[in-house]
Amino acid sequence: MKRVFWAMVGVGIGAAVGIAAVRWAGRTKRKLSPPSLARGAGERGSAFADRLRGAIDAGREAMVEREAELRAELKLDQ
């Protein structure tokens, strides 16, 4: 009886591991498919462009502020 019990436990664990492996492989396959990779690259590129645009705008604002400070210090009127 012990052998039958442990054999069934082994079969159950094997089935559970097999099902988990098949599900993991399916998720990985979908995640690494060409359309999914292209969509991810597009999103990352768009996010990078947004951050770059923000940095450039912040730099321009700082440049204008600094120029105003320098003009005030040097008493240059335009």
N, C-alpha and C. Protein backbone atom coordinates (compact mmCIF):
# COMPACT_ATOMS: atom_id res chain seq x y z
N MET A 1 0.82 -1.19 0.00
CA MET A 1 0.00 0.00 0.00
C MET A 1 0.86 1.26 0.00
N LYS A 2 1.99 1.21 0.75
CA LYS A 2 2.88 2.37 0.77
C LYS A 2 3.42 2.68 -0.63
N ARG A 3 3.78 1.66 -1.35
CA ARG A 3 4.33 1.87 -2.68
C ARG A 3 3.32 2.51 -3.62
N VAL A 4 2.09 2.09 -3.55
CA VAL A 4 1.04 2.65 -4.40
C VAL A 4 0.84 4.13 -4.04
N PHE A 5 0.81 4.42 -2.73
CA PHE A 5 0.62 5.79 -2.26
C PHE A 5 1.74 6.69 -2.80
N TRP A 6 2.99 6.28 -2.60
CA TRP A 6 4.11 7.11 -3.04
C TRP A 6 4.20 7.17 -4.56
N ALA A 7 3.78 6.12 -5.23
CA ALA A 7 3.75 6.17 -6.69
C ALA A 7 2.73 7.21 -7.15
N MET A 8 1.58 7.27 -6.52
CA MET A 8 0.55 8.26 -6.87
C MET A 8 1.02 9.67 -6.52
N VAL A 9 1.73 9.82 -5.38
CA VAL A 9 2.28 11.14 -5.02
C VAL A 9 3.27 11.57 -6.10
N GLY A 10 4.11 10.66 -6.53
CA GLY A 10 5.09 10.98 -7.58
C GLY A 10 4.42 11.35 -8.89
N VAL A 11 3.38 10.64 -9.26
CA VAL A 11 2.65 10.94 -10.49
C VAL A 11 1.99 12.31 -10.37
N GLY A 12 1.42 12.59 -9.21
CA GLY A 12 0.77 13.89 -8.99
C GLY A 12 1.75 15.04 -9.07
N ILE A 13 2.89 14.87 -8.42
CA ILE A 13 3.92 15.92 -8.47
C ILE A 13 4.44 16.09 -9.89
N GLY A 14 4.66 14.99 -10.57
CA GLY A 14 5.13 15.05 -11.96
C GLY A 14 4.13 15.76 -12.86
N ALA A 15 2.85 15.49 -12.67
CA ALA A 15 1.83 16.14 -13.48
C ALA A 15 1.79 17.64 -13.17
N ALA A 16 1.88 17.99 -11.90
CA ALA A 16 1.85 19.41 -11.51
C ALA A 16 3.04 20.15 -12.09
N VAL A 17 4.21 19.55 -12.01
CA VAL A 17 5.41 20.18 -12.56
C VAL A 17 5.31 20.28 -14.08
N GLY A 18 4.79 19.25 -14.71
CA GLY A 18 4.64 19.27 -16.16
C GLY A 18 3.67 20.36 -16.62
N ILE A 19 2.55 20.50 -15.92
CA ILE A 19 1.58 21.54 -16.27
C ILE A 19 2.19 22.92 -16.07
N ALA A 20 2.90 23.10 -14.95
CA ALA A 20 3.55 24.39 -14.68
C ALA A 20 4.58 24.72 -15.76
N ALA A 21 5.34 23.72 -16.18
CA ALA A 21 6.36 23.95 -17.21
C ALA A 21 5.73 24.33 -18.55
N VAL A 22 4.63 23.67 -18.90
CA VAL A 22 3.95 23.98 -20.16
C VAL A 22 3.39 25.40 -20.11
N ARG A 23 2.79 25.79 -18.98
CA ARG A 23 2.25 27.15 -18.85
C ARG A 23 3.37 28.18 -18.91
N TRP A 24 4.48 27.91 -18.22
CA TRP A 24 5.62 28.84 -18.24
C TRP A 24 6.15 28.99 -19.66
N ALA A 25 6.26 27.88 -20.38
CA ALA A 25 6.77 27.94 -21.75
C ALA A 25 5.82 28.74 -22.64
N GLY A 26 4.52 28.58 -22.45
CA GLY A 26 3.55 29.34 -23.25
C GLY A 26 3.65 30.83 -22.98
N ARG A 27 3.77 31.21 -21.70
CA ARG A 27 3.91 32.64 -21.36
C ARG A 27 5.20 33.20 -21.95
N THR A 28 6.27 32.45 -21.85
CA THR A 28 7.55 32.90 -22.39
C THR A 28 7.48 33.04 -23.91
N LYS A 29 6.82 32.10 -24.55
CA LYS A 29 6.67 32.15 -26.00
C LYS A 29 5.90 33.41 -26.42
N ARG A 30 4.81 33.72 -25.71
CA ARG A 30 4.04 34.92 -26.04
C ARG A 30 4.85 36.18 -25.76
N LYS A 31 5.60 36.17 -24.66
CA LYS A 31 6.38 37.35 -24.28
C LYS A 31 7.51 37.62 -25.28
N LEU A 32 8.07 36.58 -25.86
CA LEU A 32 9.20 36.73 -26.76
C LEU A 32 8.82 36.66 -28.23
N SER A 33 7.53 36.73 -28.52
CA SER A 33 7.10 36.71 -29.92
C SER A 33 7.46 38.04 -30.58
N PRO A 34 7.67 38.05 -31.89
CA PRO A 34 8.06 39.29 -32.58
C PRO A 34 7.10 40.47 -32.36
N PRO A 35 5.78 40.28 -32.41
CA PRO A 35 4.91 41.44 -32.17
C PRO A 35 5.04 42.00 -30.75
N SER A 36 5.21 41.11 -29.80
CA SER A 36 5.36 41.55 -28.41
C SER A 36 6.68 42.30 -28.23
N LEU A 37 7.74 41.79 -28.82
CA LEU A 37 9.04 42.47 -28.73
C LEU A 37 9.00 43.83 -29.41
N ALA A 38 8.33 43.90 -30.56
CA ALA A 38 8.23 45.17 -31.28
C ALA A 38 7.42 46.19 -30.47
N ARG A 39 6.33 45.73 -29.87
CA ARG A 39 5.50 46.62 -29.05
C ARG A 39 6.31 47.15 -27.86
N GLY A 40 7.06 46.27 -27.21
CA GLY A 40 7.88 46.68 -26.07
C GLY A 40 8.96 47.67 -26.48
N ALA A 41 9.59 47.42 -27.63
CA ALA A 41 10.63 48.34 -28.11
C ALA A 41 10.03 49.70 -28.44
N GLY A 42 8.84 49.69 -29.03
CA GLY A 42 8.17 50.95 -29.35
C GLY A 42 7.83 51.74 -28.10
N GLU A 43 7.36 51.05 -27.08
CA GLU A 43 7.01 51.72 -25.83
C GLU A 43 8.26 52.28 -25.16
N ARG A 44 9.34 51.51 -25.15
CA ARG A 44 10.58 52.00 -24.54
C ARG A 44 11.15 53.18 -25.32
N GLY A 45 11.07 53.12 -26.66
CA GLY A 45 11.55 54.23 -27.48
C GLY A 45 10.74 55.49 -27.24
N SER A 46 9.43 55.32 -27.12
CA SER A 46 8.55 56.46 -26.87
C SER A 46 8.83 57.06 -25.49
N ALA A 47 9.04 56.21 -24.50
CA ALA A 47 9.33 56.71 -23.15
C ALA A 47 10.67 57.45 -23.14
N PHE A 48 11.65 56.93 -23.87
CA PHE A 48 12.95 57.59 -23.93
C PHE A 48 12.82 58.96 -24.59
N ALA A 49 12.06 59.02 -25.68
CA ALA A 49 11.86 60.29 -26.38
C ALA A 49 11.17 61.31 -25.47
N ASP A 50 10.21 60.86 -24.69
CA ASP A 50 9.53 61.76 -23.75
C ASP A 50 10.50 62.29 -22.70
N ARG A 51 11.33 61.41 -22.15
CA ARG A 51 12.31 61.84 -21.14
C ARG A 51 13.33 62.79 -21.74
N LEU A 52 13.76 62.51 -22.97
CA LEU A 52 14.72 63.38 -23.64
C LEU A 52 14.11 64.76 -23.91
N ARG A 53 12.86 64.77 -24.37
CA ARG A 53 12.17 66.04 -24.61
C ARG A 53 12.06 66.85 -23.32
N GLY A 54 11.73 66.18 -22.22
CA GLY A 54 11.64 66.85 -20.92
C GLY A 54 12.97 67.42 -20.48
N ALA A 55 14.04 66.66 -20.69
CA ALA A 55 15.37 67.13 -20.30
C ALA A 55 15.78 68.34 -21.13
N ILE A 56 15.50 68.32 -22.41
CA ILE A 56 15.84 69.45 -23.28
C ILE A 56 15.06 70.69 -22.86
N ASP A 57 13.76 70.52 -22.57
CA ASP A 57 12.95 71.65 -22.13
C ASP A 57 13.47 72.23 -20.82
N ALA A 58 13.83 71.34 -19.88
CA ALA A 58 14.36 71.81 -18.60
C ALA A 58 15.68 72.56 -18.81
N GLY A 59 16.51 72.06 -19.71
CA GLY A 59 17.78 72.73 -20.00
C GLY A 59 17.56 74.10 -20.61
N ARG A 60 16.59 74.21 -21.50
CA ARG A 60 16.30 75.51 -22.11
C ARG A 60 15.78 76.51 -21.07
N GLU A 61 14.92 76.04 -20.17
CA GLU A 61 14.41 76.92 -19.12
C GLU A 61 15.54 77.40 -18.22
N ALA A 62 16.43 76.48 -17.84
CA ALA A 62 17.56 76.85 -16.99
C ALA A 62 18.47 77.84 -17.72
N MET A 63 18.64 77.66 -19.02
CA MET A 63 19.48 78.55 -19.81
C MET A 63 18.89 79.96 -19.82
N VAL A 64 17.59 80.06 -20.01
CA VAL A 64 16.93 81.37 -20.04
C VAL A 64 17.05 82.05 -18.67
N GLU A 65 16.85 81.29 -17.60
CA GLU A 65 16.97 81.85 -16.25
C GLU A 65 18.38 82.34 -15.98
N ARG A 66 19.36 81.53 -16.35
CA ARG A 66 20.76 81.90 -16.10
C ARG A 66 21.13 83.14 -16.92
N GLU A 67 20.66 83.20 -18.15
CA GLU A 67 20.95 84.37 -18.98
C GLU A 67 20.36 85.62 -18.34
N ALA A 68 19.15 85.52 -17.81
CA ALA A 68 18.53 86.67 -17.14
C ALA A 68 19.35 87.08 -15.92
N GLU A 69 19.84 86.10 -15.16
CA GLU A 69 20.68 86.41 -13.99
C GLU A 69 21.95 87.12 -14.41
N LEU A 70 22.61 86.61 -15.44
CA LEU A 70 23.86 87.22 -15.90
C LEU A 70 23.62 88.64 -16.43
N ARG A 71 22.55 88.82 -17.17
CA ARG A 71 22.23 90.15 -17.68
C ARG A 71 21.97 91.12 -16.53
N ALA A 72 21.30 90.65 -15.47
CA ALA A 72 21.01 91.49 -14.31
C ALA A 72 22.33 91.83 -13.58
N GLU A 73 23.23 90.83 -13.45
CA GLU A 73 24.51 91.07 -12.77
C GLU A 73 25.36 92.07 -13.54
N LEU A 74 25.39 91.92 -14.85
CA LEU A 74 26.23 92.78 -15.67
C LEU A 74 25.53 94.06 -16.11
N LYS A 75 24.30 94.21 -15.69
CA LYS A 75 23.49 95.37 -16.02
C LYS A 75 23.39 95.62 -17.52
N LEU A 76 23.13 94.55 -18.21
CA LEU A 76 22.94 94.62 -19.66
C LEU A 76 21.45 94.61 -19.92
N ASP A 77 20.98 95.61 -20.62
CA ASP A 77 19.57 95.65 -20.97
C ASP A 77 19.45 95.41 -22.47
N GLN A 78 18.43 94.73 -22.80
CA GLN A 78 18.24 94.42 -24.21
C GLN A 78 17.08 95.15 -24.78
